[in-house]
Each structure stands twice: as C-alpha cells, then as structure tokens.
N, C-alpha and C. Protein backbone atom coordinates (compact mmCIF):
# COMPACT_ATOMS: atom_id res chain seq x y z
N MET A 1 56.33 13.71 23.68
CA MET A 1 56.43 15.11 23.27
C MET A 1 55.71 16.00 24.28
N ALA A 2 56.19 17.19 24.39
CA ALA A 2 55.58 18.15 25.31
C ALA A 2 54.28 18.68 24.71
N LYS A 3 53.35 18.96 25.59
CA LYS A 3 52.07 19.51 25.15
C LYS A 3 52.28 20.98 24.76
N GLN A 4 51.82 21.35 23.60
CA GLN A 4 51.98 22.72 23.11
C GLN A 4 50.66 23.46 23.23
N THR A 5 50.76 24.73 23.57
CA THR A 5 49.57 25.57 23.61
C THR A 5 49.39 26.26 22.27
N LEU A 6 48.18 26.63 21.99
CA LEU A 6 47.90 27.36 20.76
C LEU A 6 48.45 28.78 20.88
N PRO A 7 49.04 29.31 19.81
CA PRO A 7 49.56 30.68 19.87
C PRO A 7 48.44 31.68 20.11
N GLY A 8 48.65 32.58 21.03
CA GLY A 8 47.67 33.62 21.29
C GLY A 8 46.60 33.22 22.28
N ILE A 9 46.52 31.96 22.63
CA ILE A 9 45.51 31.50 23.57
C ILE A 9 46.24 30.96 24.79
N GLN A 10 46.34 31.79 25.80
CA GLN A 10 47.00 31.38 27.02
C GLN A 10 46.15 31.82 28.19
N SER A 11 45.98 30.94 29.13
CA SER A 11 45.22 31.31 30.31
C SER A 11 46.20 31.73 31.38
N SER A 12 46.18 33.00 31.71
CA SER A 12 47.12 33.52 32.69
C SER A 12 46.60 33.32 34.11
N GLY A 13 45.31 33.03 34.25
CA GLY A 13 44.74 32.84 35.56
C GLY A 13 44.54 34.14 36.30
N GLY A 14 44.71 35.26 35.62
CA GLY A 14 44.57 36.56 36.26
C GLY A 14 43.14 37.03 36.32
N SER A 15 42.98 38.26 36.72
CA SER A 15 41.67 38.87 36.85
C SER A 15 41.05 39.09 35.48
N SER A 16 39.74 38.99 35.43
CA SER A 16 39.04 39.22 34.17
C SER A 16 38.61 40.68 34.03
N ALA A 17 38.88 41.50 35.04
CA ALA A 17 38.48 42.91 35.00
C ALA A 17 39.09 43.66 33.82
N PRO A 18 40.39 43.52 33.52
CA PRO A 18 40.93 44.24 32.35
C PRO A 18 40.27 43.82 31.05
N LYS A 19 39.93 42.55 30.93
CA LYS A 19 39.26 42.08 29.72
C LYS A 19 37.88 42.70 29.60
N ILE A 20 37.18 42.79 30.71
CA ILE A 20 35.84 43.39 30.69
C ILE A 20 35.92 44.87 30.36
N ILE A 21 36.87 45.57 30.96
CA ILE A 21 37.03 47.00 30.69
C ILE A 21 37.38 47.24 29.23
N PHE A 22 38.33 46.44 28.69
CA PHE A 22 38.70 46.58 27.28
C PHE A 22 37.50 46.29 26.38
N GLY A 23 36.72 45.28 26.72
CA GLY A 23 35.54 44.95 25.94
C GLY A 23 34.51 46.07 25.93
N LEU A 24 34.30 46.70 27.09
CA LEU A 24 33.35 47.81 27.17
C LEU A 24 33.84 49.01 26.37
N ILE A 25 35.13 49.27 26.42
CA ILE A 25 35.68 50.38 25.63
C ILE A 25 35.52 50.09 24.14
N ALA A 26 35.78 48.86 23.74
CA ALA A 26 35.64 48.49 22.32
C ALA A 26 34.19 48.61 21.87
N ILE A 27 33.26 48.15 22.69
CA ILE A 27 31.84 48.26 22.35
C ILE A 27 31.43 49.72 22.26
N GLY A 28 31.92 50.54 23.18
CA GLY A 28 31.61 51.97 23.14
C GLY A 28 32.15 52.64 21.89
N PHE A 29 33.36 52.26 21.49
CA PHE A 29 33.94 52.86 20.29
C PHE A 29 33.16 52.43 19.04
N VAL A 30 32.77 51.17 18.98
CA VAL A 30 31.97 50.70 17.83
C VAL A 30 30.65 51.44 17.79
N ALA A 31 30.02 51.64 18.96
CA ALA A 31 28.76 52.38 19.00
C ALA A 31 28.97 53.83 18.54
N LEU A 32 30.08 54.43 18.93
CA LEU A 32 30.38 55.80 18.50
C LEU A 32 30.57 55.87 16.99
N VAL A 33 31.25 54.89 16.42
CA VAL A 33 31.48 54.87 14.97
C VAL A 33 30.15 54.72 14.24
N ILE A 34 29.28 53.86 14.75
CA ILE A 34 27.99 53.65 14.09
C ILE A 34 27.11 54.89 14.22
N LYS A 35 27.10 55.49 15.42
CA LYS A 35 26.23 56.64 15.67
C LYS A 35 26.73 57.90 14.98
N SER A 36 28.03 58.14 15.05
CA SER A 36 28.58 59.38 14.49
C SER A 36 29.99 59.14 13.96
N PRO A 37 30.10 58.70 12.72
CA PRO A 37 31.42 58.39 12.19
C PRO A 37 32.35 59.61 12.11
N THR A 38 31.81 60.78 11.85
CA THR A 38 32.64 61.98 11.75
C THR A 38 33.27 62.31 13.10
N GLU A 39 32.48 62.24 14.17
CA GLU A 39 33.02 62.51 15.50
C GLU A 39 34.05 61.46 15.88
N ALA A 40 33.82 60.21 15.48
CA ALA A 40 34.78 59.15 15.77
C ALA A 40 36.11 59.41 15.06
N ALA A 41 36.03 59.88 13.82
CA ALA A 41 37.25 60.19 13.07
C ALA A 41 38.00 61.34 13.72
N HIS A 42 37.29 62.36 14.19
CA HIS A 42 37.94 63.47 14.87
C HIS A 42 38.57 63.00 16.19
N LEU A 43 37.90 62.11 16.89
CA LEU A 43 38.44 61.58 18.14
C LEU A 43 39.75 60.83 17.89
N VAL A 44 39.77 59.98 16.88
CA VAL A 44 40.98 59.24 16.56
C VAL A 44 42.09 60.19 16.13
N SER A 45 41.75 61.17 15.34
CA SER A 45 42.75 62.16 14.90
C SER A 45 43.34 62.90 16.09
N ASN A 46 42.48 63.33 17.02
CA ASN A 46 42.96 64.03 18.21
C ASN A 46 43.82 63.13 19.08
N LEU A 47 43.44 61.87 19.22
CA LEU A 47 44.23 60.93 20.02
C LEU A 47 45.60 60.71 19.40
N MET A 48 45.66 60.59 18.09
CA MET A 48 46.94 60.38 17.42
C MET A 48 47.82 61.62 17.51
N THR A 49 47.22 62.79 17.39
CA THR A 49 47.97 64.03 17.54
C THR A 49 48.54 64.13 18.95
N GLY A 50 47.71 63.79 19.94
CA GLY A 50 48.17 63.81 21.33
C GLY A 50 49.29 62.82 21.57
N ALA A 51 49.19 61.64 20.98
CA ALA A 51 50.25 60.63 21.13
C ALA A 51 51.54 61.13 20.50
N GLY A 52 51.43 61.84 19.38
CA GLY A 52 52.61 62.41 18.74
C GLY A 52 53.27 63.45 19.62
N HIS A 53 52.45 64.29 20.28
CA HIS A 53 53.01 65.30 21.18
C HIS A 53 53.68 64.65 22.39
N VAL A 54 53.08 63.58 22.91
CA VAL A 54 53.68 62.87 24.04
C VAL A 54 55.03 62.28 23.63
N ALA A 55 55.09 61.66 22.46
CA ALA A 55 56.34 61.07 21.99
C ALA A 55 57.40 62.14 21.78
N GLU A 56 57.00 63.26 21.20
CA GLU A 56 57.95 64.35 20.97
C GLU A 56 58.47 64.92 22.29
N SER A 57 57.60 65.08 23.26
CA SER A 57 58.01 65.58 24.57
C SER A 57 58.94 64.60 25.27
N LEU A 58 58.65 63.32 25.15
CA LEU A 58 59.49 62.30 25.76
C LEU A 58 60.88 62.29 25.13
N MET A 59 60.93 62.43 23.82
CA MET A 59 62.22 62.46 23.14
C MET A 59 63.02 63.71 23.56
N THR A 60 62.35 64.85 23.67
CA THR A 60 63.02 66.07 24.11
C THR A 60 63.58 65.90 25.52
N PHE A 61 62.79 65.27 26.39
CA PHE A 61 63.25 65.02 27.76
C PHE A 61 64.46 64.10 27.78
N LEU A 62 64.39 63.02 27.02
CA LEU A 62 65.49 62.07 27.01
C LEU A 62 66.76 62.66 26.42
N GLU A 63 66.61 63.54 25.42
CA GLU A 63 67.78 64.22 24.86
C GLU A 63 68.38 65.18 25.88
N GLY A 64 67.53 65.82 26.68
CA GLY A 64 68.02 66.73 27.72
C GLY A 64 68.72 66.01 28.85
N VAL A 65 68.29 64.79 29.15
CA VAL A 65 68.88 64.02 30.24
C VAL A 65 70.26 63.51 29.85
N SER A 66 70.39 63.09 28.61
CA SER A 66 71.67 62.48 28.20
C SER A 66 72.71 63.51 27.82
C-alpha cells in the first residue's frame, strides 16, 4: 500500500517566512483583543466593511467589462 500523509500536515519544503509573519500577526491580534477588545471589534468591523466595498467594486468592474 502507498504511504498516506495526514490531512492538513504537508511539508512543502518552502520558506518559513510566511509562517513566521502569519504567526506574528496572529499574536499581535490576540494581544490587541486582550488589551482592548472594543478597538479590536471596531478593527474587524472596518476590515469587513472594506472587504465588502472591494467585492462590490470588483463586481461592478466585471459587469462593466462583460
């Protein structure tokens, strides 16, 4: 039988820099939530609103192209 890898655990052999950067961002966000939960909630709300505007703009562009 062929050797199977565990789902979600794959070694890509790539750089560890993205993992370190993601880890630092996650630690920073957790620290922000602990230090100031209200500001963290406003930050998430603003990010989601911005993502909605980006999606809406992209859809408007794609409708104009087609």
